[in-house]
Structures are given as structure tokens and as C-alpha cells.
């Protein structure tokens, strides 16, 4: 069982993670992300754009159960994070979320 919070925290600390919707979206459009995580309170129009590009690039997207404030807190940041792109998982087991999400 993957602890989502620990996996996200570990990926931020040991891997290569892009924080923020504008930069994450750019990496998604270029197909340079392995995995995308979005907060549960992401605006509908942004979610539609993300869904469009994840289908084009076949990059999986995971909806985090908490809000952008919760996601920012887990990443160790004092600000909300609406979206993040995982480039390298580092020592985390975050990529297991992809497998669980696709089942």
C-alpha cells in the first residue's frame, strides 16, 4: 500500500519535481513528465486542459484527495500547489500510484 503523502514528500526531496500549474503544464505539453498530480480543488477549466494533454502524451494523472493547500504543505512549501509534474521519482515509490490508478 502506497502512502500518498510520504511518496509525494519523498519525490519532492529526492527526485525531480516541477511545482505549479504553469510550469507543470509546459512539461506535460512537451511530454517531459512521467506523472502529473493535481489537487482535488483544481479549477474545472484547468483540469480539462490537463486531461487533454495527458491523453495526447499518455502521461498518467493522479488526483490528490486533499486541496492545493494540503498538497503545498506535503511538499514542504508555505503556499498552495494546484499541480505538480514528476520528472524523476527519486527514492520515492510514487510511480506505484500510476499502477494503482490504472487498475
PDB file of N, CA and C in Angstrom:
ATOM      1  N   UNK A   1       0.855  -1.199   0.000  1.00  0.00           N
ATOM      2  CA  UNK A   1       0.000   0.000   0.000  1.00  0.00           C
ATOM      3  C   UNK A   1       0.888   1.244   0.000  1.00  0.00           C
ATOM      4  N   UNK A   2       0.620   2.126  -0.924  1.00  0.00           N
ATOM      5  CA  UNK A   2       1.412   3.345  -1.053  1.00  0.00           C
ATOM      6  C   UNK A   2       0.822   4.429  -0.150  1.00  0.00           C
ATOM      7  N   UNK A   3       1.680   5.021   0.680  1.00  0.00           N
ATOM      8  CA  UNK A   3       1.277   6.188   1.459  1.00  0.00           C
ATOM      9  C   UNK A   3       1.500   7.391   0.547  1.00  0.00           C
ATOM     10  N   UNK A   4       0.414   7.939   0.027  1.00  0.00           N
ATOM     11  CA  UNK A   4       0.485   9.016  -0.967  1.00  0.00           C
ATOM     12  C   UNK A   4       1.291  10.199  -0.446  1.00  0.00           C
ATOM     13  N   UNK A   5       1.022  10.620   0.783  1.00  0.00           N
ATOM     14  CA  UNK A   5       1.711  11.779   1.351  1.00  0.00           C
ATOM     15  C   UNK A   5       3.218  11.550   1.437  1.00  0.00           C
ATOM     16  N   UNK A   6       3.612  10.357   1.936  1.00  0.00           N
ATOM     17  CA  UNK A   6       5.039  10.050   2.048  1.00  0.00           C
ATOM     18  C   UNK A   6       5.685   9.978   0.671  1.00  0.00           C
ATOM     19  N   UNK A   7       4.978   9.387  -0.290  1.00  0.00           N
ATOM     20  CA  UNK A   7       5.516   9.247  -1.645  1.00  0.00           C
ATOM     21  C   UNK A   7       5.736  10.622  -2.287  1.00  0.00           C
ATOM     22  N   UNK A   8       4.783  11.528  -2.118  1.00  0.00           N
ATOM     23  CA  UNK A   8       4.917  12.882  -2.671  1.00  0.00           C
ATOM     24  C   UNK A   8       6.078  13.608  -1.995  1.00  0.00           C
ATOM     25  N   UNK A   9       6.133  13.549  -0.678  1.00  0.00           N
ATOM     26  CA  UNK A   9       7.195  14.217   0.069  1.00  0.00           C
ATOM     27  C   UNK A   9       8.564  13.687  -0.366  1.00  0.00           C
ATOM     28  N   UNK A  10       8.687  12.383  -0.467  1.00  0.00           N
ATOM     29  CA  UNK A  10       9.947  11.758  -0.863  1.00  0.00           C
ATOM     30  C   UNK A  10      10.341  12.150  -2.286  1.00  0.00           C
ATOM     31  N   UNK A  11       9.363  12.217  -3.190  1.00  0.00           N
ATOM     32  CA  UNK A  11       9.648  12.609  -4.581  1.00  0.00           C
ATOM     33  C   UNK A  11      10.158  14.049  -4.634  1.00  0.00           C
ATOM     34  N   UNK A  12       9.549  14.929  -3.845  1.00  0.00           N
ATOM     35  CA  UNK A  12       9.977  16.333  -3.814  1.00  0.00           C
ATOM     36  C   UNK A  12      11.401  16.442  -3.269  1.00  0.00           C
ATOM     37  N   UNK A  13      11.714  15.650  -2.220  1.00  0.00           N
ATOM     38  CA  UNK A  13      13.031  15.730  -1.582  1.00  0.00           C
ATOM     39  C   UNK A  13      14.137  15.049  -2.388  1.00  0.00           C
ATOM     40  N   UNK A  14      13.839  13.913  -3.032  1.00  0.00           N
ATOM     41  CA  UNK A  14      14.908  13.124  -3.652  1.00  0.00           C
ATOM     42  C   UNK A  14      14.850  13.067  -5.178  1.00  0.00           C
ATOM     43  N   UNK A  15      13.732  13.462  -5.751  1.00  0.00           N
ATOM     44  CA  UNK A  15      13.588  13.356  -7.203  1.00  0.00           C
ATOM     45  C   UNK A  15      13.623  14.713  -7.887  1.00  0.00           C
ATOM     46  N   UNK A  16      13.120  14.735  -9.119  1.00  0.00           N
ATOM     47  CA  UNK A  16      12.985  15.986  -9.870  1.00  0.00           C
ATOM     48  C   UNK A  16      11.502  16.236 -10.076  1.00  0.00           C
ATOM     49  N   UNK A  17      11.010  17.264  -9.397  1.00  0.00           N
ATOM     50  CA  UNK A  17       9.583  17.565  -9.398  1.00  0.00           C
ATOM     51  C   UNK A  17       9.384  19.027  -9.780  1.00  0.00           C
ATOM     52  N   UNK A  18       8.440  19.266 -10.669  1.00  0.00           N
ATOM     53  CA  UNK A  18       8.091  20.628 -11.078  1.00  0.00           C
ATOM     54  C   UNK A  18       6.826  21.015 -10.315  1.00  0.00           C
ATOM     55  N   UNK A  19       6.882  22.124  -9.579  1.00  0.00           N
ATOM     56  CA  UNK A  19       5.726  22.578  -8.813  1.00  0.00           C
ATOM     57  C   UNK A  19       5.067  23.758  -9.512  1.00  0.00           C
ATOM     58  N   UNK A  20       3.741  23.794  -9.458  1.00  0.00           N
ATOM     59  CA  UNK A  20       2.997  24.903 -10.048  1.00  0.00           C
ATOM     60  C   UNK A  20       2.380  24.525 -11.375  1.00  0.00           C
ATOM     61  N   UNK A  21       1.176  25.027 -11.613  1.00  0.00           N
ATOM     62  CA  UNK A  21       0.431  24.609 -12.802  1.00  0.00           C
ATOM     63  C   UNK A  21       1.046  25.112 -14.111  1.00  0.00           C
ATOM     64  N   UNK A  22       1.566  26.321 -14.147  1.00  0.00           N
ATOM     65  CA  UNK A  22       2.095  26.852 -15.410  1.00  0.00           C
ATOM     66  C   UNK A  22       3.309  26.052 -15.882  1.00  0.00           C
ATOM     67  N   UNK A  23       4.277  25.845 -15.002  1.00  0.00           N
ATOM     68  CA  UNK A  23       5.485  25.091 -15.383  1.00  0.00           C
ATOM     69  C   UNK A  23       5.170  23.614 -15.605  1.00  0.00           C
ATOM     70  N   UNK A  24       4.324  23.049 -14.744  1.00  0.00           N
ATOM     71  CA  UNK A  24       3.963  21.632 -14.892  1.00  0.00           C
ATOM     72  C   UNK A  24       3.253  21.392 -16.217  1.00  0.00           C
ATOM     73  N   UNK A  25       2.384  22.314 -16.587  1.00  0.00           N
ATOM     74  CA  UNK A  25       1.652  22.196 -17.850  1.00  0.00           C
ATOM     75  C   UNK A  25       2.610  22.230 -19.038  1.00  0.00           C
ATOM     76  N   UNK A  26       3.639  23.076 -18.959  1.00  0.00           N
ATOM     77  CA  UNK A  26       4.635  23.121 -20.034  1.00  0.00           C
ATOM     78  C   UNK A  26       5.363  21.791 -20.178  1.00  0.00           C
ATOM     79  N   UNK A  27       5.747  21.182 -19.056  1.00  0.00           N
ATOM     80  CA  UNK A  27       6.414  19.883 -19.105  1.00  0.00           C
ATOM     81  C   UNK A  27       5.467  18.807 -19.616  1.00  0.00           C
ATOM     82  N   UNK A  28       4.208  18.913 -19.264  1.00  0.00           N
ATOM     83  CA  UNK A  28       3.199  17.971 -19.747  1.00  0.00           C
ATOM     84  C   UNK A  28       3.042  18.097 -21.267  1.00  0.00           C
ATOM     85  N   UNK A  29       2.932  19.327 -21.761  1.00  0.00           N
ATOM     86  CA  UNK A  29       2.776  19.558 -23.208  1.00  0.00           C
ATOM     87  C   UNK A  29       3.961  19.021 -24.002  1.00  0.00           C
ATOM     88  N   UNK A  30       5.158  19.137 -23.428  1.00  0.00           N
ATOM     89  CA  UNK A  30       6.369  18.660 -24.115  1.00  0.00           C
ATOM     90  C   UNK A  30       6.590  17.165 -23.923  1.00  0.00           C
ATOM     91  N   UNK A  31       5.756  16.538 -23.092  1.00  0.00           N
ATOM     92  CA  UNK A  31       5.902  15.107 -22.835  1.00  0.00           C
ATOM     93  C   UNK A  31       7.097  14.776 -21.966  1.00  0.00           C
ATOM     94  N   UNK A  32       7.560  15.747 -21.167  1.00  0.00           N
ATOM     95  CA  UNK A  32       8.762  15.553 -20.348  1.00  0.00           C
ATOM     96  C   UNK A  32       8.453  15.167 -18.909  1.00  0.00           C
ATOM     97  N   UNK A  33       7.189  14.933 -18.597  1.00  0.00           N
ATOM     98  CA  UNK A  33       6.815  14.493 -17.250  1.00  0.00           C
ATOM     99  C   UNK A  33       6.489  13.002 -17.300  1.00  0.00           C
ATOM    100  N   UNK A  34       6.774  12.311 -16.209  1.00  0.00           N
ATOM    101  CA  UNK A  34       6.421  10.890 -16.137  1.00  0.00           C
ATOM    102  C   UNK A  34       5.042  10.704 -15.522  1.00  0.00           C
ATOM    103  N   UNK A  35       4.633  11.708 -14.751  1.00  0.00           N
ATOM    104  CA  UNK A  35       3.435  11.561 -13.938  1.00  0.00           C
ATOM    105  C   UNK A  35       3.002  12.951 -13.502  1.00  0.00           C
ATOM    106  N   UNK A  36       1.707  13.203 -13.445  1.00  0.00           N
ATOM    107  CA  UNK A  36       1.188  14.507 -13.021  1.00  0.00           C
ATOM    108  C   UNK A  36       0.243  14.296 -11.843  1.00  0.00           C
ATOM    109  N   UNK A  37       0.366  15.156 -10.849  1.00  0.00           N
ATOM    110  CA  UNK A  37      -0.531  15.119  -9.687  1.00  0.00           C
ATOM    111  C   UNK A  37      -1.251  16.460  -9.614  1.00  0.00           C
ATOM    112  N   UNK A  38      -2.569  16.416  -9.445  1.00  0.00           N
ATOM    113  CA  UNK A  38      -3.359  17.645  -9.315  1.00  0.00           C
ATOM    114  C   UNK A  38      -4.131  17.601  -8.001  1.00  0.00           C
ATOM    115  N   UNK A  39      -4.386  18.768  -7.436  1.00  0.00           N
ATOM    116  CA  UNK A  39      -5.162  18.872  -6.200  1.00  0.00           C
ATOM    117  C   UNK A  39      -6.645  18.670  -6.514  1.00  0.00           C
ATOM    118  N   UNK A  40      -7.398  18.250  -5.525  1.00  0.00           N
ATOM    119  CA  UNK A  40      -8.825  17.967  -5.734  1.00  0.00           C
ATOM    120  C   UNK A  40      -9.631  19.230  -6.059  1.00  0.00           C
ATOM    121  N   UNK A  41      -9.147  20.392  -5.647  1.00  0.00           N
ATOM    122  CA  UNK A  41      -9.888  21.635  -5.878  1.00  0.00           C
ATOM    123  C   UNK A  41      -9.382  22.408  -7.106  1.00  0.00           C
ATOM    124  N   UNK A  42      -8.782  21.692  -8.051  1.00  0.00           N
ATOM    125  CA  UNK A  42      -8.279  22.344  -9.260  1.00  0.00           C
ATOM    126  C   UNK A  42      -9.461  22.896 -10.072  1.00  0.00           C
ATOM    127  N   UNK A  43      -9.333  24.098 -10.636  1.00  0.00           N
ATOM    128  CA  UNK A  43     -10.434  24.651 -11.429  1.00  0.00           C
ATOM    129  C   UNK A  43     -10.781  23.747 -12.619  1.00  0.00           C
ATOM    130  N   UNK A  44     -12.071  23.674 -12.918  1.00  0.00           N
ATOM    131  CA  UNK A  44     -12.566  22.771 -13.962  1.00  0.00           C
ATOM    132  C   UNK A  44     -11.900  23.038 -15.317  1.00  0.00           C
ATOM    133  N   UNK A  45     -11.737  24.310 -15.689  1.00  0.00           N
ATOM    134  CA  UNK A  45     -11.140  24.618 -16.994  1.00  0.00           C
ATOM    135  C   UNK A  45      -9.690  24.148 -17.084  1.00  0.00           C
ATOM    136  N   UNK A  46      -8.930  24.284 -15.992  1.00  0.00           N
ATOM    137  CA  UNK A  46      -7.540  23.814 -15.975  1.00  0.00           C
ATOM    138  C   UNK A  46      -7.505  22.288 -16.028  1.00  0.00           C
ATOM    139  N   UNK A  47      -8.421  21.648 -15.327  1.00  0.00           N
ATOM    140  CA  UNK A  47      -8.472  20.179 -15.337  1.00  0.00           C
ATOM    141  C   UNK A  47      -8.750  19.660 -16.751  1.00  0.00           C
ATOM    142  N   UNK A  48      -9.616  20.353 -17.488  1.00  0.00           N
ATOM    143  CA  UNK A  48      -9.924  19.941 -18.869  1.00  0.00           C
ATOM    144  C   UNK A  48      -8.692  20.046 -19.759  1.00  0.00           C
ATOM    145  N   UNK A  49      -7.906  21.101 -19.580  1.00  0.00           N
ATOM    146  CA  UNK A  49      -6.666  21.264 -20.345  1.00  0.00           C
ATOM    147  C   UNK A  49      -5.688  20.144 -20.001  1.00  0.00           C
ATOM    148  N   UNK A  50      -5.553  19.862 -18.709  1.00  0.00           N
ATOM    149  CA  UNK A  50      -4.653  18.793 -18.258  1.00  0.00           C
ATOM    150  C   UNK A  50      -5.092  17.451 -18.832  1.00  0.00           C
ATOM    151  N   UNK A  51      -6.380  17.158 -18.759  1.00  0.00           N
ATOM    152  CA  UNK A  51      -6.898  15.886 -19.291  1.00  0.00           C
ATOM    153  C   UNK A  51      -6.622  15.770 -20.790  1.00  0.00           C
ATOM    154  N   UNK A  52      -6.767  16.868 -21.508  1.00  0.00           N
ATOM    155  CA  UNK A  52      -6.495  16.871 -22.950  1.00  0.00           C
ATOM    156  C   UNK A  52      -5.039  16.483 -23.227  1.00  0.00           C
ATOM    157  N   UNK A  53      -4.107  17.128 -22.538  1.00  0.00           N
ATOM    158  CA  UNK A  53      -2.685  16.858 -22.781  1.00  0.00           C
ATOM    159  C   UNK A  53      -2.235  15.504 -22.235  1.00  0.00           C
ATOM    160  N   UNK A  54      -2.846  15.031 -21.149  1.00  0.00           N
ATOM    161  CA  UNK A  54      -2.463  13.706 -20.655  1.00  0.00           C
ATOM    162  C   UNK A  54      -2.911  12.624 -21.633  1.00  0.00           C
ATOM    163  N   UNK A  55      -4.028  12.854 -22.305  1.00  0.00           N
ATOM    164  CA  UNK A  55      -4.463  11.889 -23.328  1.00  0.00           C
ATOM    165  C   UNK A  55      -3.519  11.919 -24.528  1.00  0.00           C
ATOM    166  N   UNK A  56      -3.111  13.103 -24.942  1.00  0.00           N
ATOM    167  CA  UNK A  56      -2.201  13.241 -26.098  1.00  0.00           C
ATOM    168  C   UNK A  56      -0.840  12.611 -25.830  1.00  0.00           C
ATOM    169  N   UNK A  57      -0.335  12.805 -24.626  1.00  0.00           N
ATOM    170  CA  UNK A  57       1.024  12.361 -24.304  1.00  0.00           C
ATOM    171  C   UNK A  57       1.066  11.014 -23.583  1.00  0.00           C
ATOM    172  N   UNK A  58      -0.090  10.469 -23.215  1.00  0.00           N
ATOM    173  CA  UNK A  58      -0.192   9.214 -22.459  1.00  0.00           C
ATOM    174  C   UNK A  58       0.517   9.299 -21.102  1.00  0.00           C
ATOM    175  N   UNK A  59       0.585  10.492 -20.547  1.00  0.00           N
ATOM    176  CA  UNK A  59       1.170  10.680 -19.218  1.00  0.00           C
ATOM    177  C   UNK A  59       0.035  10.548 -18.203  1.00  0.00           C
ATOM    178  N   UNK A  60       0.184   9.663 -17.217  1.00  0.00           N
ATOM    179  CA  UNK A  60      -0.894   9.479 -16.236  1.00  0.00           C
ATOM    180  C   UNK A  60      -1.053  10.676 -15.305  1.00  0.00           C
ATOM    181  N   UNK A  61      -2.288  10.899 -14.879  1.00  0.00           N
ATOM    182  CA  UNK A  61      -2.588  11.980 -13.940  1.00  0.00           C
ATOM    183  C   UNK A  61      -3.264  11.367 -12.711  1.00  0.00           C
ATOM    184  N   UNK A  62      -2.890  11.871 -11.543  1.00  0.00           N
ATOM    185  CA  UNK A  62      -3.456  11.393 -10.284  1.00  0.00           C
ATOM    186  C   UNK A  62      -4.091  12.580  -9.571  1.00  0.00           C
ATOM    187  N   UNK A  63      -5.333  12.415  -9.135  1.00  0.00           N
ATOM    188  CA  UNK A  63      -5.996  13.476  -8.382  1.00  0.00           C
ATOM    189  C   UNK A  63      -5.760  13.241  -6.896  1.00  0.00           C
ATOM    190  N   UNK A  64      -5.018  14.163  -6.305  1.00  0.00           N
ATOM    191  CA  UNK A  64      -4.741  14.102  -4.867  1.00  0.00           C
ATOM    192  C   UNK A  64      -6.027  14.409  -4.116  1.00  0.00           C
ATOM    193  N   UNK A  65      -6.291  13.653  -3.052  1.00  0.00           N
ATOM    194  CA  UNK A  65      -7.563  13.790  -2.330  1.00  0.00           C
ATOM    195  C   UNK A  65      -7.702  15.117  -1.578  1.00  0.00           C
ATOM    196  N   UNK A  66      -6.593  15.730  -1.239  1.00  0.00           N
ATOM    197  CA  UNK A  66      -6.636  16.987  -0.488  1.00  0.00           C
ATOM    198  C   UNK A  66      -6.685  18.207  -1.400  1.00  0.00           C
ATOM    199  N   UNK A  67      -6.726  19.374  -0.770  1.00  0.00           N
ATOM    200  CA  UNK A  67      -6.761  20.635  -1.513  1.00  0.00           C
ATOM    201  C   UNK A  67      -5.343  21.060  -1.917  1.00  0.00           C
ATOM    202  N   UNK A  68      -5.266  22.148  -2.648  1.00  0.00           N
ATOM    203  CA  UNK A  68      -3.964  22.684  -3.057  1.00  0.00           C
ATOM    204  C   UNK A  68      -3.146  23.125  -1.841  1.00  0.00           C
ATOM    205  N   UNK A  69      -3.819  23.552  -0.785  1.00  0.00           N
ATOM    206  CA  UNK A  69      -3.119  23.937   0.448  1.00  0.00           C
ATOM    207  C   UNK A  69      -2.486  22.698   1.080  1.00  0.00           C
ATOM    208  N   UNK A  70      -3.246  21.594   1.119  1.00  0.00           N
ATOM    209  CA  UNK A  70      -2.722  20.329   1.655  1.00  0.00           C
ATOM    210  C   UNK A  70      -1.530  19.846   0.838  1.00  0.00           C
ATOM    211  N   UNK A  71      -1.655  19.934  -0.472  1.00  0.00           N
ATOM    212  CA  UNK A  71      -0.582  19.479  -1.363  1.00  0.00           C
ATOM    213  C   UNK A  71       0.680  20.325  -1.154  1.00  0.00           C
ATOM    214  N   UNK A  72       0.515  21.632  -1.021  1.00  0.00           N
ATOM    215  CA  UNK A  72       1.653  22.517  -0.742  1.00  0.00           C
ATOM    216  C   UNK A  72       2.322  22.163   0.578  1.00  0.00           C
ATOM    217  N   UNK A  73       1.515  21.868   1.578  1.00  0.00           N
ATOM    218  CA  UNK A  73       2.031  21.508   2.905  1.00  0.00           C
ATOM    219  C   UNK A  73       2.866  20.232   2.828  1.00  0.00           C
ATOM    220  N   UNK A  74       2.376  19.233   2.109  1.00  0.00           N
ATOM    221  CA  UNK A  74       3.102  17.961   1.990  1.00  0.00           C
ATOM    222  C   UNK A  74       4.424  18.155   1.251  1.00  0.00           C
ATOM    223  N   UNK A  75       4.426  19.066   0.287  1.00  0.00           N
ATOM    224  CA  UNK A  75       5.656  19.348  -0.462  1.00  0.00           C
ATOM    225  C   UNK A  75       6.630  20.197   0.349  1.00  0.00           C
ATOM    226  N   UNK A  76       6.216  20.621   1.537  1.00  0.00           N
ATOM    227  CA  UNK A  76       7.073  21.426   2.400  1.00  0.00           C
ATOM    228  C   UNK A  76       7.116  22.883   1.989  1.00  0.00           C
ATOM    229  N   UNK A  77       6.069  23.336   1.307  1.00  0.00           N
ATOM    230  CA  UNK A  77       6.027  24.728   0.842  1.00  0.00           C
ATOM    231  C   UNK A  77       4.966  25.505   1.613  1.00  0.00           C
ATOM    232  N   UNK A  78       5.215  26.799   1.843  1.00  0.00           N
ATOM    233  CA  UNK A  78       4.245  27.612   2.593  1.00  0.00           C
ATOM    234  C   UNK A  78       3.161  28.221   1.695  1.00  0.00           C
ATOM    235  N   UNK A  79       2.935  27.616   0.534  1.00  0.00           N
ATOM    236  CA  UNK A  79       1.938  28.139  -0.403  1.00  0.00           C
ATOM    237  C   UNK A  79       1.193  26.976  -1.052  1.00  0.00           C
ATOM    238  N   UNK A  80      -0.014  27.243  -1.584  1.00  0.00           N
ATOM    239  CA  UNK A  80      -0.791  26.175  -2.223  1.00  0.00           C
ATOM    240  C   UNK A  80      -0.148  25.703  -3.529  1.00  0.00           C
ATOM    241  N   UNK A  81      -0.278  24.428  -3.814  1.00  0.00           N
ATOM    242  CA  UNK A  81       0.206  23.860  -5.068  1.00  0.00           C
ATOM    243  C   UNK A  81      -0.968  23.150  -5.729  1.00  0.00           C
ATOM    244  N   UNK A  82      -1.364  23.654  -6.881  1.00  0.00           N
ATOM    245  CA  UNK A  82      -2.517  23.130  -7.600  1.00  0.00           C
ATOM    246  C   UNK A  82      -2.138  21.918  -8.448  1.00  0.00           C
ATOM    247  N   UNK A  83      -0.884  21.936  -8.941  1.00  0.00           N
ATOM    248  CA  UNK A  83      -0.458  20.884  -9.867  1.00  0.00           C
ATOM    249  C   UNK A  83       1.048  20.696  -9.743  1.00  0.00           C
ATOM    250  N   UNK A  84       1.483  19.444  -9.914  1.00  0.00           N
ATOM    251  CA  UNK A  84       2.914  19.158  -9.922  1.00  0.00           C
ATOM    252  C   UNK A  84       3.202  18.063 -10.942  1.00  0.00           C
ATOM    253  N   UNK A  85       4.367  18.148 -11.552  1.00  0.00           N
ATOM    254  CA  UNK A  85       4.791  17.152 -12.533  1.00  0.00           C
ATOM    255  C   UNK A  85       6.011  16.422 -11.995  1.00  0.00           C
ATOM    256  N   UNK A  86       5.975  15.106 -12.047  1.00  0.00           N
ATOM    257  CA  UNK A  86       7.104  14.287 -11.600  1.00  0.00           C
ATOM    258  C   UNK A  86       7.969  13.991 -12.820  1.00  0.00           C
ATOM    259  N   UNK A  87       9.222  14.458 -12.787  1.00  0.00           N
ATOM    260  CA  UNK A  87      10.158  14.150 -13.874  1.00  0.00           C
ATOM    261  C   UNK A  87      10.976  12.921 -13.531  1.00  0.00           C
ATOM    262  N   UNK A  88      11.465  12.869 -12.285  1.00  0.00           N
ATOM    263  CA  UNK A  88      12.212  11.709 -11.782  1.00  0.00           C
ATOM    264  C   UNK A  88      11.672  11.410 -10.382  1.00  0.00           C
ATOM    265  N   UNK A  89      11.277  10.160 -10.104  1.00  0.00           N
ATOM    266  CA  UNK A  89      10.699   9.854  -8.796  1.00  0.00           C
ATOM    267  C   UNK A  89      11.695   9.833  -7.648  1.00  0.00           C
ATOM    268  N   UNK A  90      12.997   9.806  -7.937  1.00  0.00           N
ATOM    269  CA  UNK A  90      13.987   9.765  -6.861  1.00  0.00           C
ATOM    270  C   UNK A  90      13.853   8.481  -6.059  1.00  0.00           C
ATOM    271  N   UNK A  91      13.968   8.575  -4.739  1.00  0.00           N
ATOM    272  CA  UNK A  91      13.874   7.396  -3.870  1.00  0.00           C
ATOM    273  C   UNK A  91      12.436   7.081  -3.461  1.00  0.00           C
ATOM    274  N   UNK A  92      11.469   7.779  -4.043  1.00  0.00           N
ATOM    275  CA  UNK A  92      10.071   7.570  -3.646  1.00  0.00           C
ATOM    276  C   UNK A  92       9.457   6.409  -4.424  1.00  0.00           C
ATOM    277  N   UNK A  93       8.343   5.931  -3.908  1.00  0.00           N
ATOM    278  CA  UNK A  93       7.594   4.887  -4.611  1.00  0.00           C
ATOM    279  C   UNK A  93       6.369   5.496  -5.286  1.00  0.00           C
ATOM    280  N   UNK A  94       6.468   6.753  -5.690  1.00  0.00           N
ATOM    281  CA  UNK A  94       5.330   7.489  -6.245  1.00  0.00           C
ATOM    282  C   UNK A  94       4.800   6.877  -7.535  1.00  0.00           C
ATOM    283  N   UNK A  95       5.675   6.228  -8.302  1.00  0.00           N
ATOM    284  CA  UNK A  95       5.231   5.644  -9.565  1.00  0.00           C
ATOM    285  C   UNK A  95       4.267   4.473  -9.332  1.00  0.00           C
ATOM    286  N   UNK A  96       4.241   3.935  -8.116  1.00  0.00           N
ATOM    287  CA  UNK A  96       3.269   2.875  -7.795  1.00  0.00           C
ATOM    288  C   UNK A  96       1.850   3.426  -7.811  1.00  0.00           C
ATOM    289  N   UNK A  97       1.698   4.739  -7.612  1.00  0.00           N
ATOM    290  CA  UNK A  97       0.382   5.347  -7.706  1.00  0.00           C
ATOM    291  C   UNK A  97      -0.162   5.222  -9.114  1.00  0.00           C
ATOM    292  N   UNK A  98       0.727   5.275 -10.098  1.00  0.00           N
ATOM    293  CA  UNK A  98       0.324   5.147 -11.501  1.00  0.00           C
ATOM    294  C   UNK A  98      -0.316   3.783 -11.709  1.00  0.00           C
ATOM    295  N   UNK A  99       0.346   2.739 -11.231  1.00  0.00           N
ATOM    296  CA  UNK A  99      -0.162   1.385 -11.394  1.00  0.00           C
ATOM    297  C   UNK A  99      -1.503   1.214 -10.676  1.00  0.00           C
ATOM    298  N   UNK A 100      -1.590   1.734  -9.453  1.00  0.00           N
ATOM    299  CA  UNK A 100      -2.836   1.625  -8.692  1.00  0.00           C
ATOM    300  C   UNK A 100      -3.963   2.403  -9.371  1.00  0.00           C
ATOM    301  N   UNK A 101      -3.608   3.567  -9.911  1.00  0.00           N
ATOM    302  CA  UNK A 101      -4.586   4.450 -10.536  1.00  0.00           C
ATOM    303  C   UNK A 101      -5.150   3.830 -11.823  1.00  0.00           C
ATOM    304  N   UNK A 102      -4.335   3.070 -12.527  1.00  0.00           N
ATOM    305  CA  UNK A 102      -4.771   2.498 -13.806  1.00  0.00           C
ATOM    306  C   UNK A 102      -5.609   1.242 -13.629  1.00  0.00           C
ATOM    307  N   UNK A 103      -5.551   0.616 -12.451  1.00  0.00           N
ATOM    308  CA  UNK A 103      -6.291  -0.631 -12.224  1.00  0.00           C
ATOM    309  C   UNK A 103      -7.785  -0.395 -12.206  1.00  0.00           C
TER     310      UNK A 103
END
